[in-house]
Amino acid sequence: MLWMLIYVAILATIVGIYVITNVPPLLHTPLMSGANAISGITLVGSLIAAGYGETNVRTILGFLAIIFATINVVGGFMVTDRMLKMFKKRK
């Protein structure tokens, strides 16, 4: 079972690198928006995990997940905003 998980992780890494390196620059902004949506789903999942915390350790780990997911979402939107400003005409 462990070998199968390692195999899937290596295969996902190779496919991810191949896909990301072949994306044209024009599509980076829509892909960033999609990644932000996925991060938002992660944030909802971490809220649920923190709410179900039956022990203090689970609650603390859920809270840390909320913090990191929030940082990821906010950072993603900041990068997207900066990329969109590059396409605006200067006055």
N, C-alpha and C. Protein backbone atom coordinates (compact mmCIF):
# COMPACT_ATOMS: atom_id res chain seq x y z
N MET A 1 0.82 -1.19 0.00
CA MET A 1 0.00 0.00 0.00
C MET A 1 0.87 1.26 0.00
N LEU A 2 1.95 1.25 0.76
CA LEU A 2 2.85 2.40 0.81
C LEU A 2 3.48 2.65 -0.55
N TRP A 3 3.83 1.58 -1.26
CA TRP A 3 4.44 1.73 -2.58
C TRP A 3 3.47 2.38 -3.55
N MET A 4 2.19 2.06 -3.41
CA MET A 4 1.18 2.64 -4.28
C MET A 4 1.06 4.15 -4.02
N LEU A 5 1.10 4.56 -2.76
CA LEU A 5 1.03 5.98 -2.43
C LEU A 5 2.26 6.73 -2.95
N ILE A 6 3.43 6.13 -2.81
CA ILE A 6 4.65 6.75 -3.33
C ILE A 6 4.58 6.87 -4.84
N TYR A 7 4.09 5.82 -5.50
CA TYR A 7 3.96 5.83 -6.96
C TYR A 7 3.02 6.94 -7.41
N VAL A 8 1.88 7.10 -6.75
CA VAL A 8 0.92 8.14 -7.11
C VAL A 8 1.52 9.53 -6.89
N ALA A 9 2.25 9.72 -5.78
CA ALA A 9 2.86 11.02 -5.50
C ALA A 9 3.90 11.38 -6.56
N ILE A 10 4.72 10.43 -6.94
CA ILE A 10 5.75 10.68 -7.96
C ILE A 10 5.09 10.96 -9.32
N LEU A 11 4.08 10.18 -9.66
CA LEU A 11 3.39 10.39 -10.93
C LEU A 11 2.69 11.74 -10.96
N ALA A 12 2.05 12.14 -9.87
CA ALA A 12 1.38 13.44 -9.80
C ALA A 12 2.38 14.58 -9.91
N THR A 13 3.54 14.42 -9.32
CA THR A 13 4.58 15.45 -9.41
C THR A 13 5.06 15.61 -10.84
N ILE A 14 5.32 14.52 -11.51
CA ILE A 14 5.81 14.57 -12.90
C ILE A 14 4.75 15.20 -13.82
N VAL A 15 3.51 14.76 -13.68
CA VAL A 15 2.44 15.31 -14.52
C VAL A 15 2.22 16.79 -14.21
N GLY A 16 2.26 17.17 -12.92
CA GLY A 16 2.09 18.57 -12.54
C GLY A 16 3.16 19.47 -13.12
N ILE A 17 4.40 19.03 -13.05
CA ILE A 17 5.51 19.82 -13.61
C ILE A 17 5.35 19.93 -15.13
N TYR A 18 4.98 18.86 -15.78
CA TYR A 18 4.81 18.88 -17.23
C TYR A 18 3.69 19.83 -17.63
N VAL A 19 2.58 19.79 -16.92
CA VAL A 19 1.44 20.64 -17.26
C VAL A 19 1.77 22.11 -17.00
N ILE A 20 2.36 22.41 -15.86
CA ILE A 20 2.63 23.80 -15.50
C ILE A 20 3.65 24.44 -16.42
N THR A 21 4.67 23.70 -16.82
CA THR A 21 5.69 24.28 -17.70
C THR A 21 5.18 24.52 -19.11
N ASN A 22 4.10 23.87 -19.50
CA ASN A 22 3.57 24.04 -20.85
C ASN A 22 2.38 25.00 -20.92
N VAL A 23 2.10 25.73 -19.86
CA VAL A 23 1.00 26.68 -19.87
C VAL A 23 1.49 28.00 -20.46
N PRO A 24 0.79 28.51 -21.46
CA PRO A 24 1.20 29.81 -22.02
C PRO A 24 0.95 30.93 -21.01
N PRO A 25 1.75 31.99 -21.07
CA PRO A 25 1.60 33.10 -20.10
C PRO A 25 0.22 33.73 -20.08
N LEU A 26 -0.50 33.68 -21.19
CA LEU A 26 -1.83 34.27 -21.25
C LEU A 26 -2.82 33.55 -20.32
N LEU A 27 -2.57 32.29 -20.04
CA LEU A 27 -3.49 31.51 -19.20
C LEU A 27 -3.11 31.48 -17.73
N HIS A 28 -2.05 32.16 -17.33
CA HIS A 28 -1.63 32.10 -15.93
C HIS A 28 -2.66 32.69 -14.99
N THR A 29 -3.29 33.82 -15.37
CA THR A 29 -4.27 34.46 -14.50
C THR A 29 -5.50 33.58 -14.29
N PRO A 30 -6.10 32.99 -15.32
CA PRO A 30 -7.24 32.09 -15.06
C PRO A 30 -6.86 30.88 -14.22
N LEU A 31 -5.67 30.36 -14.42
CA LEU A 31 -5.24 29.22 -13.62
C LEU A 31 -5.05 29.61 -12.17
N MET A 32 -4.55 30.81 -11.91
CA MET A 32 -4.39 31.29 -10.55
C MET A 32 -5.75 31.43 -9.88
N SER A 33 -6.74 31.90 -10.63
CA SER A 33 -8.09 32.03 -10.08
C SER A 33 -8.66 30.66 -9.72
N GLY A 34 -8.40 29.68 -10.56
CA GLY A 34 -8.85 28.33 -10.24
C GLY A 34 -8.15 27.76 -9.01
N ALA A 35 -6.87 28.06 -8.88
CA ALA A 35 -6.15 27.60 -7.69
C ALA A 35 -6.68 28.28 -6.43
N ASN A 36 -7.09 29.54 -6.55
CA ASN A 36 -7.69 30.22 -5.40
C ASN A 36 -9.00 29.57 -5.00
N ALA A 37 -9.78 29.13 -5.97
CA ALA A 37 -11.04 28.46 -5.66
C ALA A 37 -10.78 27.16 -4.91
N ILE A 38 -9.77 26.42 -5.32
CA ILE A 38 -9.42 25.18 -4.63
C ILE A 38 -8.94 25.48 -3.22
N SER A 39 -8.18 26.56 -3.05
CA SER A 39 -7.73 26.95 -1.72
C SER A 39 -8.91 27.34 -0.84
N GLY A 40 -9.93 27.94 -1.43
CA GLY A 40 -11.13 28.26 -0.68
C GLY A 40 -11.83 27.02 -0.17
N ILE A 41 -11.85 25.97 -0.99
CA ILE A 41 -12.43 24.70 -0.55
C ILE A 41 -11.60 24.12 0.58
N THR A 42 -10.29 24.26 0.51
CA THR A 42 -9.42 23.81 1.59
C THR A 42 -9.71 24.56 2.87
N LEU A 43 -9.99 25.84 2.75
CA LEU A 43 -10.32 26.65 3.92
C LEU A 43 -11.61 26.17 4.58
N VAL A 44 -12.60 25.85 3.78
CA VAL A 44 -13.86 25.33 4.32
C VAL A 44 -13.63 23.99 5.01
N GLY A 45 -12.82 23.14 4.40
CA GLY A 45 -12.50 21.85 5.02
C GLY A 45 -11.76 22.01 6.33
N SER A 46 -10.87 22.98 6.41
CA SER A 46 -10.14 23.18 7.66
C SER A 46 -11.05 23.74 8.74
N LEU A 47 -12.04 24.55 8.36
CA LEU A 47 -13.03 25.03 9.34
C LEU A 47 -13.84 23.87 9.90
N ILE A 48 -14.22 22.96 9.02
CA ILE A 48 -14.97 21.78 9.47
C ILE A 48 -14.10 20.92 10.39
N ALA A 49 -12.84 20.75 10.01
CA ALA A 49 -11.94 19.93 10.83
C ALA A 49 -11.73 20.55 12.21
N ALA A 50 -11.61 21.87 12.27
CA ALA A 50 -11.42 22.53 13.56
C ALA A 50 -12.69 22.44 14.40
N GLY A 51 -13.84 22.47 13.76
CA GLY A 51 -15.10 22.38 14.48
C GLY A 51 -15.37 21.02 15.06
N TYR A 52 -14.89 19.98 14.40
CA TYR A 52 -15.08 18.62 14.88
C TYR A 52 -14.02 18.19 15.89
N GLY A 53 -13.13 19.09 16.24
CA GLY A 53 -12.03 18.74 17.14
C GLY A 53 -12.52 18.11 18.43
N GLU A 54 -12.32 16.81 18.54
CA GLU A 54 -12.74 16.09 19.75
C GLU A 54 -11.70 16.21 20.84
N THR A 55 -10.48 16.47 20.45
CA THR A 55 -9.40 16.64 21.42
C THR A 55 -8.73 17.99 21.16
N ASN A 56 -7.91 18.40 22.10
CA ASN A 56 -7.21 19.68 21.93
C ASN A 56 -6.24 19.64 20.76
N VAL A 57 -5.61 18.50 20.55
CA VAL A 57 -4.64 18.39 19.45
C VAL A 57 -5.35 18.57 18.11
N ARG A 58 -6.51 17.96 17.95
CA ARG A 58 -7.25 18.10 16.69
C ARG A 58 -7.72 19.53 16.48
N THR A 59 -8.14 20.17 17.55
CA THR A 59 -8.58 21.56 17.44
C THR A 59 -7.42 22.47 17.06
N ILE A 60 -6.27 22.25 17.67
CA ILE A 60 -5.09 23.06 17.36
C ILE A 60 -4.65 22.83 15.91
N LEU A 61 -4.63 21.58 15.47
CA LEU A 61 -4.26 21.30 14.08
C LEU A 61 -5.26 21.90 13.10
N GLY A 62 -6.53 21.85 13.44
CA GLY A 62 -7.55 22.49 12.60
C GLY A 62 -7.37 23.99 12.53
N PHE A 63 -7.03 24.60 13.67
CA PHE A 63 -6.79 26.04 13.70
C PHE A 63 -5.56 26.40 12.85
N LEU A 64 -4.51 25.61 12.94
CA LEU A 64 -3.33 25.85 12.10
C LEU A 64 -3.66 25.70 10.62
N ALA A 65 -4.52 24.73 10.31
CA ALA A 65 -4.93 24.55 8.91
C ALA A 65 -5.71 25.76 8.43
N ILE A 66 -6.54 26.34 9.30
CA ILE A 66 -7.28 27.55 8.94
C ILE A 66 -6.31 28.69 8.65
N ILE A 67 -5.32 28.86 9.48
CA ILE A 67 -4.35 29.94 9.30
C ILE A 67 -3.61 29.78 7.97
N PHE A 68 -3.08 28.58 7.72
CA PHE A 68 -2.31 28.37 6.49
C PHE A 68 -3.18 28.46 5.24
N ALA A 69 -4.41 27.96 5.30
CA ALA A 69 -5.30 28.06 4.14
C ALA A 69 -5.67 29.51 3.87
N THR A 70 -5.87 30.29 4.93
CA THR A 70 -6.19 31.71 4.75
C THR A 70 -5.02 32.46 4.13
N ILE A 71 -3.81 32.18 4.58
CA ILE A 71 -2.62 32.79 3.99
C ILE A 71 -2.53 32.44 2.51
N ASN A 72 -2.82 31.20 2.18
CA ASN A 72 -2.76 30.75 0.80
C ASN A 72 -3.79 31.47 -0.07
N VAL A 73 -5.02 31.61 0.43
CA VAL A 73 -6.08 32.27 -0.33
C VAL A 73 -5.76 33.75 -0.53
N VAL A 74 -5.39 34.44 0.54
CA VAL A 74 -5.10 35.88 0.45
C VAL A 74 -3.89 36.11 -0.47
N GLY A 75 -2.85 35.33 -0.31
CA GLY A 75 -1.67 35.46 -1.17
C GLY A 75 -2.00 35.20 -2.63
N GLY A 76 -2.84 34.22 -2.89
CA GLY A 76 -3.24 33.92 -4.27
C GLY A 76 -4.00 35.07 -4.90
N PHE A 77 -4.91 35.67 -4.13
CA PHE A 77 -5.66 36.79 -4.67
C PHE A 77 -4.75 38.01 -4.87
N MET A 78 -3.77 38.20 -4.01
CA MET A 78 -2.84 39.31 -4.19
C MET A 78 -2.02 39.13 -5.46
N VAL A 79 -1.57 37.91 -5.71
CA VAL A 79 -0.80 37.64 -6.93
C VAL A 79 -1.68 37.82 -8.16
N THR A 80 -2.93 37.34 -8.10
CA THR A 80 -3.85 37.50 -9.23
C THR A 80 -4.10 38.97 -9.51
N ASP A 81 -4.32 39.75 -8.46
CA ASP A 81 -4.56 41.18 -8.64
C ASP A 81 -3.34 41.86 -9.28
N ARG A 82 -2.18 41.49 -8.83
CA ARG A 82 -0.95 42.08 -9.40
C ARG A 82 -0.79 41.70 -10.87
N MET A 83 -1.13 40.45 -11.21
CA MET A 83 -1.03 40.03 -12.61
C MET A 83 -2.04 40.76 -13.47
N LEU A 84 -3.25 40.97 -12.96
CA LEU A 84 -4.27 41.68 -13.73
C LEU A 84 -3.89 43.14 -13.95
N LYS A 85 -3.21 43.75 -12.99
CA LYS A 85 -2.76 45.13 -13.15
C LYS A 85 -1.74 45.26 -14.28
N MET A 86 -1.02 44.19 -14.57
CA MET A 86 -0.05 44.24 -15.66
C MET A 86 -0.73 44.39 -17.02
N PHE A 87 -1.99 43.94 -17.14
CA PHE A 87 -2.69 43.99 -18.42
C PHE A 87 -3.49 45.27 -18.61
N LYS A 88 -3.61 46.09 -17.57
CA LYS A 88 -4.35 47.35 -17.69
C LYS A 88 -3.50 48.37 -18.42
N LYS A 89 -4.19 49.24 -19.18
CA LYS A 89 -3.48 50.30 -19.89
C LYS A 89 -3.09 51.37 -18.90
N ARG A 90 -1.89 51.90 -19.09
CA ARG A 90 -1.41 52.97 -18.23
C ARG A 90 -1.95 54.30 -18.74
N LYS A 91 -2.22 55.20 -17.83
CA LYS A 91 -2.77 56.52 -18.20
C LYS A 91 -1.67 57.49 -18.56
